[in-house]
């Protein structure tokens, strides 16, 4: 029962059914009016969004977008902070040189700076003074050059994920299937020991196929072979439980094998001679 809540699709289904209780209270027909009040307004905005999210279960490739976001998240905070600082600097300069009839406040100047840096340019606010025009011109040129960095980070992350998309989706599908059948990362060492016929601490392709078939993961033999090849990173023809958990359950790997953190870590600073 607990594994039911590990699937975000099940959570979305529960959230989609929750408004039925409120609709039974205010009436099944939602009409925005003073009598219905805030509840009807919230439901009219909330229900379509949640029902649209239910379609996510049909898009398995969503995992690629999540992986790309995780890759890009490492470098984006610095770029976003620098963008925030630049916004404050140019907004302050614009606020100083522009008359209050045009730029009423600093947030108003920040709005002009943001839409300029993102190359949106609504045109609802424009500089009136010569100094303001010069500052905005410099901002336009500088922002085009600067925005190439965060966009390049995101694009490169998605390119790397897309090139490895088959392996990523296969590992994700295996993770989901294992959890659906009640298997967690802590069960993997026991399963490997159970199906290790020659007791060498590793599974060859035949033993791995037998294990995946016995625990009824639901992958066709071709996919099982592809998964084995993806896990066998050293090309030795065998895999152990650590390789399996590192690829299929990467978030739990360090908790299960804390000793591997010391082996994988290398000194970043060498002693000076």
C-alpha atoms as a PDB file:
ATOM      1  CA  UNK A   1       0.000   0.000   0.000  1.00  0.00           C
ATOM      2  CA  UNK A   2       2.822   2.390   0.808  1.00  0.00           C
ATOM      3  CA  UNK A   3       4.305   1.900  -2.672  1.00  0.00           C
ATOM      4  CA  UNK A   4       1.090   3.328  -4.129  1.00  0.00           C
ATOM      5  CA  UNK A   5       2.114   6.820  -3.039  1.00  0.00           C
ATOM      6  CA  UNK A   6       5.591   6.543  -4.591  1.00  0.00           C
ATOM      7  CA  UNK A   7       4.005   6.994  -8.017  1.00  0.00           C
ATOM      8  CA  UNK A   8       3.235  10.651  -8.691  1.00  0.00           C
ATOM      9  CA  UNK A   9       0.556   9.620 -11.195  1.00  0.00           C
ATOM     10  CA  UNK A  10      -1.449   8.097  -8.348  1.00  0.00           C
ATOM     11  CA  UNK A  11      -1.104  11.317  -6.357  1.00  0.00           C
ATOM     12  CA  UNK A  12      -2.418  13.310  -9.316  1.00  0.00           C
ATOM     13  CA  UNK A  13      -5.397  10.927  -9.615  1.00  0.00           C
ATOM     14  CA  UNK A  14      -6.250  11.525  -5.951  1.00  0.00           C
ATOM     15  CA  UNK A  15      -5.970  15.289  -6.377  1.00  0.00           C
ATOM     16  CA  UNK A  16      -8.211  15.095  -9.453  1.00  0.00           C
ATOM     17  CA  UNK A  17     -10.891  13.250  -7.457  1.00  0.00           C
ATOM     18  CA  UNK A  18     -10.694  15.614  -4.469  1.00  0.00           C
ATOM     19  CA  UNK A  19     -12.768  18.434  -6.062  1.00  0.00           C
ATOM     20  CA  UNK A  20     -15.789  16.118  -6.259  1.00  0.00           C
ATOM     21  CA  UNK A  21     -16.308  16.624  -2.540  1.00  0.00           C
ATOM     22  CA  UNK A  22     -16.385  20.403  -2.887  1.00  0.00           C
ATOM     23  CA  UNK A  23     -18.576  20.241  -5.970  1.00  0.00           C
ATOM     24  CA  UNK A  24     -21.071  18.157  -4.031  1.00  0.00           C
ATOM     25  CA  UNK A  25     -21.204  20.965  -1.458  1.00  0.00           C
ATOM     26  CA  UNK A  26     -21.601  23.913  -3.825  1.00  0.00           C
ATOM     27  CA  UNK A  27     -23.504  22.020  -6.507  1.00  0.00           C
ATOM     28  CA  UNK A  28     -22.347  19.986  -9.470  1.00  0.00           C
ATOM     29  CA  UNK A  29     -22.858  22.894 -11.867  1.00  0.00           C
ATOM     30  CA  UNK A  30     -20.040  25.366 -11.369  1.00  0.00           C
ATOM     31  CA  UNK A  31     -21.173  28.890 -12.188  1.00  0.00           C
ATOM     32  CA  UNK A  32     -18.993  31.814 -11.193  1.00  0.00           C
ATOM     33  CA  UNK A  33     -21.224  34.086  -9.143  1.00  0.00           C
ATOM     34  CA  UNK A  34     -21.330  36.009  -5.877  1.00  0.00           C
ATOM     35  CA  UNK A  35     -23.343  33.244  -4.194  1.00  0.00           C
ATOM     36  CA  UNK A  36     -20.755  30.582  -5.001  1.00  0.00           C
ATOM     37  CA  UNK A  37     -17.822  32.831  -4.152  1.00  0.00           C
ATOM     38  CA  UNK A  38     -14.196  31.871  -3.991  1.00  0.00           C
ATOM     39  CA  UNK A  39     -14.773  28.089  -3.923  1.00  0.00           C
ATOM     40  CA  UNK A  40     -16.266  28.007  -7.418  1.00  0.00           C
ATOM     41  CA  UNK A  41     -13.537  30.281  -8.755  1.00  0.00           C
ATOM     42  CA  UNK A  42     -10.791  28.070  -7.312  1.00  0.00           C
ATOM     43  CA  UNK A  43     -12.433  24.885  -8.601  1.00  0.00           C
ATOM     44  CA  UNK A  44     -12.896  26.326 -12.090  1.00  0.00           C
ATOM     45  CA  UNK A  45      -9.157  27.098 -12.213  1.00  0.00           C
ATOM     46  CA  UNK A  46      -7.913  24.033 -10.294  1.00  0.00           C
ATOM     47  CA  UNK A  47      -9.832  21.174 -11.916  1.00  0.00           C
ATOM     48  CA  UNK A  48      -8.719  21.715 -15.551  1.00  0.00           C
ATOM     49  CA  UNK A  49      -5.057  21.920 -14.503  1.00  0.00           C
ATOM     50  CA  UNK A  50      -5.153  18.701 -12.475  1.00  0.00           C
ATOM     51  CA  UNK A  51      -7.064  16.830 -15.166  1.00  0.00           C
ATOM     52  CA  UNK A  52      -4.503  17.953 -17.747  1.00  0.00           C
ATOM     53  CA  UNK A  53      -1.727  16.639 -15.475  1.00  0.00           C
ATOM     54  CA  UNK A  54      -3.357  13.197 -15.575  1.00  0.00           C
ATOM     55  CA  UNK A  55      -2.180  12.926 -19.179  1.00  0.00           C
ATOM     56  CA  UNK A  56       1.446  12.851 -17.953  1.00  0.00           C
ATOM     57  CA  UNK A  57       1.224   9.094 -17.452  1.00  0.00           C
ATOM     58  CA  UNK A  58       1.050   8.797 -21.264  1.00  0.00           C
ATOM     59  CA  UNK A  59       4.335  10.667 -21.751  1.00  0.00           C
ATOM     60  CA  UNK A  60       7.141   8.414 -20.581  1.00  0.00           C
ATOM     61  CA  UNK A  61       9.664  10.744 -22.209  1.00  0.00           C
ATOM     62  CA  UNK A  62       8.903  13.281 -19.469  1.00  0.00           C
ATOM     63  CA  UNK A  63      11.739  11.562 -17.602  1.00  0.00           C
ATOM     64  CA  UNK A  64      14.146  12.956 -20.205  1.00  0.00           C
ATOM     65  CA  UNK A  65      13.068  16.504 -19.383  1.00  0.00           C
ATOM     66  CA  UNK A  66      13.484  15.804 -15.659  1.00  0.00           C
ATOM     67  CA  UNK A  67      16.982  14.391 -16.172  1.00  0.00           C
ATOM     68  CA  UNK A  68      17.980  17.337 -18.351  1.00  0.00           C
ATOM     69  CA  UNK A  69      16.713  19.757 -15.700  1.00  0.00           C
ATOM     70  CA  UNK A  70      18.787  18.004 -13.049  1.00  0.00           C
ATOM     71  CA  UNK A  71      21.886  18.231 -15.214  1.00  0.00           C
ATOM     72  CA  UNK A  72      21.354  21.926 -15.929  1.00  0.00           C
ATOM     73  CA  UNK A  73      20.478  22.763 -12.312  1.00  0.00           C
ATOM     74  CA  UNK A  74      24.134  22.561 -11.283  1.00  0.00           C
ATOM     75  CA  UNK A  75      25.229  25.535 -13.376  1.00  0.00           C
ATOM     76  CA  UNK A  76      22.034  27.597 -13.569  1.00  0.00           C
ATOM     77  CA  UNK A  77      21.954  29.074 -10.013  1.00  0.00           C
ATOM     78  CA  UNK A  78      25.139  31.091 -10.607  1.00  0.00           C
ATOM     79  CA  UNK A  79      23.851  32.343 -13.955  1.00  0.00           C
ATOM     80  CA  UNK A  80      20.486  33.299 -12.458  1.00  0.00           C
ATOM     81  CA  UNK A  81      22.143  35.126  -9.574  1.00  0.00           C
ATOM     82  CA  UNK A  82      24.343  37.068 -11.997  1.00  0.00           C
ATOM     83  CA  UNK A  83      21.225  37.861 -14.025  1.00  0.00           C
ATOM     84  CA  UNK A  84      19.530  39.178 -10.880  1.00  0.00           C
ATOM     85  CA  UNK A  85      22.517  41.406 -10.068  1.00  0.00           C
ATOM     86  CA  UNK A  86      22.630  42.768 -13.625  1.00  0.00           C
ATOM     87  CA  UNK A  87      18.912  43.473 -13.470  1.00  0.00           C
ATOM     88  CA  UNK A  88      19.364  45.499 -10.291  1.00  0.00           C
ATOM     89  CA  UNK A  89      22.304  47.470 -11.748  1.00  0.00           C
ATOM     90  CA  UNK A  90      20.623  48.432 -15.024  1.00  0.00           C
ATOM     91  CA  UNK A  91      17.257  49.035 -13.354  1.00  0.00           C
ATOM     92  CA  UNK A  92      18.915  51.445 -10.921  1.00  0.00           C
ATOM     93  CA  UNK A  93      20.630  53.315 -13.771  1.00  0.00           C
ATOM     94  CA  UNK A  94      17.378  53.570 -15.721  1.00  0.00           C
ATOM     95  CA  UNK A  95      15.506  54.739 -12.625  1.00  0.00           C
ATOM     96  CA  UNK A  96      18.102  57.467 -12.009  1.00  0.00           C
ATOM     97  CA  UNK A  97      18.142  58.977 -15.523  1.00  0.00           C
ATOM     98  CA  UNK A  98      14.454  58.617 -16.435  1.00  0.00           C
ATOM     99  CA  UNK A  99      11.781  61.091 -15.244  1.00  0.00           C
ATOM    100  CA  UNK A 100       9.231  59.902 -12.685  1.00  0.00           C
ATOM    101  CA  UNK A 101       6.453  60.479 -15.215  1.00  0.00           C
ATOM    102  CA  UNK A 102       7.911  57.642 -17.313  1.00  0.00           C
ATOM    103  CA  UNK A 103       9.520  55.322 -14.700  1.00  0.00           C
ATOM    104  CA  UNK A 104       7.469  55.686 -11.544  1.00  0.00           C
ATOM    105  CA  UNK A 105       9.418  53.310  -9.292  1.00  0.00           C
ATOM    106  CA  UNK A 106      12.373  50.930  -9.157  1.00  0.00           C
ATOM    107  CA  UNK A 107      10.143  47.855  -9.721  1.00  0.00           C
ATOM    108  CA  UNK A 108       8.856  49.608 -12.847  1.00  0.00           C
ATOM    109  CA  UNK A 109      12.473  50.015 -14.018  1.00  0.00           C
ATOM    110  CA  UNK A 110      13.141  46.348 -13.220  1.00  0.00           C
ATOM    111  CA  UNK A 111      10.181  45.385 -15.408  1.00  0.00           C
ATOM    112  CA  UNK A 112      11.707  47.305 -18.335  1.00  0.00           C
ATOM    113  CA  UNK A 113      15.098  45.683 -17.658  1.00  0.00           C
ATOM    114  CA  UNK A 114      13.699  42.135 -17.478  1.00  0.00           C
ATOM    115  CA  UNK A 115      11.642  42.330 -20.682  1.00  0.00           C
ATOM    116  CA  UNK A 116      14.675  43.841 -22.424  1.00  0.00           C
ATOM    117  CA  UNK A 117      17.176  41.234 -21.186  1.00  0.00           C
ATOM    118  CA  UNK A 118      14.869  38.362 -22.152  1.00  0.00           C
ATOM    119  CA  UNK A 119      14.431  39.932 -25.631  1.00  0.00           C
ATOM    120  CA  UNK A 120      10.656  40.011 -25.146  1.00  0.00           C
ATOM    121  CA  UNK A 121      10.306  43.780 -25.544  1.00  0.00           C
ATOM    122  CA  UNK A 122       6.590  44.408 -24.990  1.00  0.00           C
ATOM    123  CA  UNK A 123       7.007  48.101 -25.807  1.00  0.00           C
ATOM    124  CA  UNK A 124       4.680  49.245 -23.039  1.00  0.00           C
ATOM    125  CA  UNK A 125       7.602  51.084 -21.397  1.00  0.00           C
ATOM    126  CA  UNK A 126      10.367  52.812 -23.354  1.00  0.00           C
ATOM    127  CA  UNK A 127      13.110  55.264 -22.345  1.00  0.00           C
ATOM    128  CA  UNK A 128      12.410  58.944 -22.999  1.00  0.00           C
ATOM    129  CA  UNK A 129      15.797  60.508 -22.274  1.00  0.00           C
ATOM    130  CA  UNK A 130      19.005  60.198 -24.288  1.00  0.00           C
ATOM    131  CA  UNK A 131      20.847  58.707 -21.320  1.00  0.00           C
ATOM    132  CA  UNK A 132      18.061  56.167 -20.834  1.00  0.00           C
ATOM    133  CA  UNK A 133      18.209  55.164 -24.506  1.00  0.00           C
ATOM    134  CA  UNK A 134      21.977  54.672 -24.302  1.00  0.00           C
ATOM    135  CA  UNK A 135      21.677  52.538 -21.144  1.00  0.00           C
ATOM    136  CA  UNK A 136      18.950  50.386 -22.691  1.00  0.00           C
ATOM    137  CA  UNK A 137      20.980  50.002 -25.901  1.00  0.00           C
ATOM    138  CA  UNK A 138      23.963  48.750 -23.907  1.00  0.00           C
ATOM    139  CA  UNK A 139      21.612  46.444 -21.998  1.00  0.00           C
ATOM    140  CA  UNK A 140      20.231  44.969 -25.233  1.00  0.00           C
ATOM    141  CA  UNK A 141      23.674  44.131 -26.616  1.00  0.00           C
ATOM    142  CA  UNK A 142      24.994  42.846 -23.298  1.00  0.00           C
ATOM    143  CA  UNK A 143      21.923  40.727 -22.521  1.00  0.00           C
ATOM    144  CA  UNK A 144      22.014  38.983 -25.914  1.00  0.00           C
ATOM    145  CA  UNK A 145      25.588  37.891 -25.220  1.00  0.00           C
ATOM    146  CA  UNK A 146      24.870  36.948 -21.607  1.00  0.00           C
ATOM    147  CA  UNK A 147      21.660  34.952 -22.189  1.00  0.00           C
ATOM    148  CA  UNK A 148      23.586  32.636 -24.508  1.00  0.00           C
ATOM    149  CA  UNK A 149      25.277  31.091 -21.454  1.00  0.00           C
ATOM    150  CA  UNK A 150      22.252  29.766 -19.497  1.00  0.00           C
ATOM    151  CA  UNK A 151      20.488  28.804 -22.716  1.00  0.00           C
ATOM    152  CA  UNK A 152      23.614  26.936 -23.814  1.00  0.00           C
ATOM    153  CA  UNK A 153      23.756  25.072 -20.497  1.00  0.00           C
ATOM    154  CA  UNK A 154      20.130  23.957 -20.816  1.00  0.00           C
ATOM    155  CA  UNK A 155      20.533  23.025 -24.485  1.00  0.00           C
ATOM    156  CA  UNK A 156      23.706  21.034 -23.882  1.00  0.00           C
ATOM    157  CA  UNK A 157      22.123  19.169 -20.946  1.00  0.00           C
ATOM    158  CA  UNK A 158      19.121  18.170 -23.034  1.00  0.00           C
ATOM    159  CA  UNK A 159      21.378  17.111 -25.930  1.00  0.00           C
ATOM    160  CA  UNK A 160      23.358  14.787 -23.641  1.00  0.00           C
ATOM    161  CA  UNK A 161      20.167  13.294 -22.216  1.00  0.00           C
ATOM    162  CA  UNK A 162      18.608  12.870 -25.672  1.00  0.00           C
ATOM    163  CA  UNK A 163      21.653  10.993 -26.958  1.00  0.00           C
ATOM    164  CA  UNK A 164      21.300   8.532 -24.052  1.00  0.00           C
ATOM    165  CA  UNK A 165      17.486   8.525 -24.118  1.00  0.00           C
ATOM    166  CA  UNK A 166      17.011   4.779 -24.700  1.00  0.00           C
ATOM    167  CA  UNK A 167      19.151   3.809 -21.726  1.00  0.00           C
ATOM    168  CA  UNK A 168      17.566   6.452 -19.455  1.00  0.00           C
ATOM    169  CA  UNK A 169      13.991   5.450 -20.294  1.00  0.00           C
ATOM    170  CA  UNK A 170      14.812   1.761 -19.906  1.00  0.00           C
ATOM    171  CA  UNK A 171      16.363   2.277 -16.465  1.00  0.00           C
ATOM    172  CA  UNK A 172      13.418   4.431 -15.422  1.00  0.00           C
ATOM    173  CA  UNK A 173      10.929   1.822 -16.626  1.00  0.00           C
ATOM    174  CA  UNK A 174      12.791  -0.860 -14.674  1.00  0.00           C
ATOM    175  CA  UNK A 175      12.737   1.317 -11.555  1.00  0.00           C
ATOM    176  CA  UNK A 176       8.986   1.854 -11.845  1.00  0.00           C
ATOM    177  CA  UNK A 177       8.254  -1.829 -12.487  1.00  0.00           C
ATOM    178  CA  UNK A 178      10.354  -2.947  -9.516  1.00  0.00           C
ATOM    179  CA  UNK A 179       8.609  -0.526  -7.177  1.00  0.00           C
ATOM    180  CA  UNK A 180       5.185  -1.545  -8.475  1.00  0.00           C
ATOM    181  CA  UNK A 181       5.930  -5.164  -7.538  1.00  0.00           C
ATOM    182  CA  UNK A 182       7.174  -4.109  -4.116  1.00  0.00           C
ATOM    183  CA  UNK A 183      10.911  -4.455  -4.767  1.00  0.00           C
ATOM    184  CA  UNK A 184      13.166  -1.727  -3.439  1.00  0.00           C
ATOM    185  CA  UNK A 185      16.909  -1.084  -3.703  1.00  0.00           C
ATOM    186  CA  UNK A 186      17.514  -2.971  -0.439  1.00  0.00           C
ATOM    187  CA  UNK A 187      16.081  -6.127  -2.062  1.00  0.00           C
ATOM    188  CA  UNK A 188      18.538  -6.101  -4.973  1.00  0.00           C
ATOM    189  CA  UNK A 189      21.525  -7.718  -3.148  1.00  0.00           C
ATOM    190  CA  UNK A 190      19.262 -10.537  -1.978  1.00  0.00           C
ATOM    191  CA  UNK A 191      17.896 -11.071  -5.493  1.00  0.00           C
ATOM    192  CA  UNK A 192      21.392 -11.149  -6.999  1.00  0.00           C
ATOM    193  CA  UNK A 193      22.519 -13.678  -4.408  1.00  0.00           C
ATOM    194  CA  UNK A 194      19.443 -15.809  -5.049  1.00  0.00           C
ATOM    195  CA  UNK A 195      19.917 -15.998  -8.839  1.00  0.00           C
ATOM    196  CA  UNK A 196      23.725 -16.189  -8.800  1.00  0.00           C
ATOM    197  CA  UNK A 197      24.035 -19.852  -9.761  1.00  0.00           C
ATOM    198  CA  UNK A 198      27.853 -20.020  -9.793  1.00  0.00           C
ATOM    199  CA  UNK A 199      28.131 -17.934  -6.581  1.00  0.00           C
ATOM    200  CA  UNK A 200      30.789 -15.605  -7.996  1.00  0.00           C
ATOM    201  CA  UNK A 201      29.018 -12.462  -6.735  1.00  0.00           C
ATOM    202  CA  UNK A 202      27.949 -11.387 -10.226  1.00  0.00           C
ATOM    203  CA  UNK A 203      25.253 -12.247 -12.762  1.00  0.00           C
ATOM    204  CA  UNK A 204      25.957 -13.068 -16.366  1.00  0.00           C
ATOM    205  CA  UNK A 205      23.418 -12.386 -19.106  1.00  0.00           C
ATOM    206  CA  UNK A 206      21.626 -15.748 -18.732  1.00  0.00           C
ATOM    207  CA  UNK A 207      21.315 -15.383 -14.959  1.00  0.00           C
ATOM    208  CA  UNK A 208      20.139 -11.793 -15.318  1.00  0.00           C
ATOM    209  CA  UNK A 209      17.463 -12.749 -17.851  1.00  0.00           C
ATOM    210  CA  UNK A 210      16.276 -15.518 -15.518  1.00  0.00           C
ATOM    211  CA  UNK A 211      16.047 -13.101 -12.585  1.00  0.00           C
ATOM    212  CA  UNK A 212      14.084 -10.490 -14.540  1.00  0.00           C
ATOM    213  CA  UNK A 213      11.724 -13.184 -15.778  1.00  0.00           C
ATOM    214  CA  UNK A 214      11.176 -14.720 -12.334  1.00  0.00           C
ATOM    215  CA  UNK A 215      10.369 -11.462 -10.589  1.00  0.00           C
ATOM    216  CA  UNK A 216       7.947 -10.608 -13.432  1.00  0.00           C
ATOM    217  CA  UNK A 217       9.161  -7.133 -14.277  1.00  0.00           C
ATOM    218  CA  UNK A 218       7.273  -7.209 -17.564  1.00  0.00           C
ATOM    219  CA  UNK A 219      10.134  -6.334 -19.917  1.00  0.00           C
ATOM    220  CA  UNK A 220      10.427  -8.220 -23.188  1.00  0.00           C
ATOM    221  CA  UNK A 221      13.677 -10.234 -23.654  1.00  0.00           C
ATOM    222  CA  UNK A 222      15.080  -7.641 -26.069  1.00  0.00           C
ATOM    223  CA  UNK A 223      14.665  -4.907 -23.474  1.00  0.00           C
ATOM    224  CA  UNK A 224      16.222  -7.080 -20.778  1.00  0.00           C
ATOM    225  CA  UNK A 225      19.310  -7.596 -22.940  1.00  0.00           C
ATOM    226  CA  UNK A 226      19.502  -3.849 -23.614  1.00  0.00           C
ATOM    227  CA  UNK A 227      19.238  -3.175 -19.888  1.00  0.00           C
ATOM    228  CA  UNK A 228      22.040  -5.647 -19.179  1.00  0.00           C
ATOM    229  CA  UNK A 229      24.288  -4.000 -21.757  1.00  0.00           C
ATOM    230  CA  UNK A 230      23.530  -0.570 -20.273  1.00  0.00           C
ATOM    231  CA  UNK A 231      24.417  -1.805 -16.787  1.00  0.00           C
ATOM    232  CA  UNK A 232      27.580  -3.597 -17.916  1.00  0.00           C
ATOM    233  CA  UNK A 233      29.569  -0.403 -18.302  1.00  0.00           C
ATOM    234  CA  UNK A 234      32.967  -2.118 -18.179  1.00  0.00           C
ATOM    235  CA  UNK A 235      32.021  -4.658 -20.860  1.00  0.00           C
ATOM    236  CA  UNK A 236      33.035  -7.609 -18.689  1.00  0.00           C
ATOM    237  CA  UNK A 237      29.928  -9.658 -19.474  1.00  0.00           C
ATOM    238  CA  UNK A 238      28.734  -9.668 -15.856  1.00  0.00           C
ATOM    239  CA  UNK A 239      27.135  -7.184 -13.464  1.00  0.00           C
ATOM    240  CA  UNK A 240      26.871  -7.060  -9.697  1.00  0.00           C
ATOM    241  CA  UNK A 241      24.237  -5.627  -7.374  1.00  0.00           C
ATOM    242  CA  UNK A 242      26.176  -2.377  -6.957  1.00  0.00           C
ATOM    243  CA  UNK A 243      26.184  -1.670 -10.678  1.00  0.00           C
ATOM    244  CA  UNK A 244      22.472  -2.404 -10.828  1.00  0.00           C
ATOM    245  CA  UNK A 245      21.570  -0.097  -7.925  1.00  0.00           C
ATOM    246  CA  UNK A 246      23.881   2.671  -9.151  1.00  0.00           C
ATOM    247  CA  UNK A 247      22.021   2.802 -12.482  1.00  0.00           C
ATOM    248  CA  UNK A 248      18.438   1.942 -11.502  1.00  0.00           C
ATOM    249  CA  UNK A 249      18.293   3.446  -7.981  1.00  0.00           C
ATOM    250  CA  UNK A 250      20.966   6.184  -8.059  1.00  0.00           C
ATOM    251  CA  UNK A 251      19.348   8.205  -5.259  1.00  0.00           C
ATOM    252  CA  UNK A 252      19.600   5.323  -2.769  1.00  0.00           C
ATOM    253  CA  UNK A 253      23.057   4.070  -3.777  1.00  0.00           C
ATOM    254  CA  UNK A 254      25.057   6.093  -1.243  1.00  0.00           C
ATOM    255  CA  UNK A 255      22.730   5.077   1.593  1.00  0.00           C
ATOM    256  CA  UNK A 256      23.063   1.357   0.806  1.00  0.00           C
ATOM    257  CA  UNK A 257      26.794   1.391   0.058  1.00  0.00           C
ATOM    258  CA  UNK A 258      28.337   4.190   2.140  1.00  0.00           C
ATOM    259  CA  UNK A 259      31.741   2.568   1.796  1.00  0.00           C
ATOM    260  CA  UNK A 260      31.685   3.233  -1.958  1.00  0.00           C
ATOM    261  CA  UNK A 261      31.684   6.982  -1.309  1.00  0.00           C
ATOM    262  CA  UNK A 262      35.177   6.716   0.167  1.00  0.00           C
ATOM    263  CA  UNK A 263      36.414   4.581  -2.728  1.00  0.00           C
ATOM    264  CA  UNK A 264      34.972   6.856  -5.406  1.00  0.00           C
ATOM    265  CA  UNK A 265      36.177  10.069  -3.786  1.00  0.00           C
ATOM    266  CA  UNK A 266      39.556  11.428  -4.814  1.00  0.00           C
ATOM    267  CA  UNK A 267      41.582  14.196  -3.214  1.00  0.00           C
ATOM    268  CA  UNK A 268      40.944  17.526  -4.898  1.00  0.00           C
ATOM    269  CA  UNK A 269      44.067  19.221  -3.611  1.00  0.00           C
ATOM    270  CA  UNK A 270      47.491  17.642  -3.886  1.00  0.00           C
ATOM    271  CA  UNK A 271      50.145  18.316  -1.318  1.00  0.00           C
ATOM    272  CA  UNK A 272      52.639  20.902  -2.410  1.00  0.00           C
ATOM    273  CA  UNK A 273      56.104  19.594  -2.871  1.00  0.00           C
END
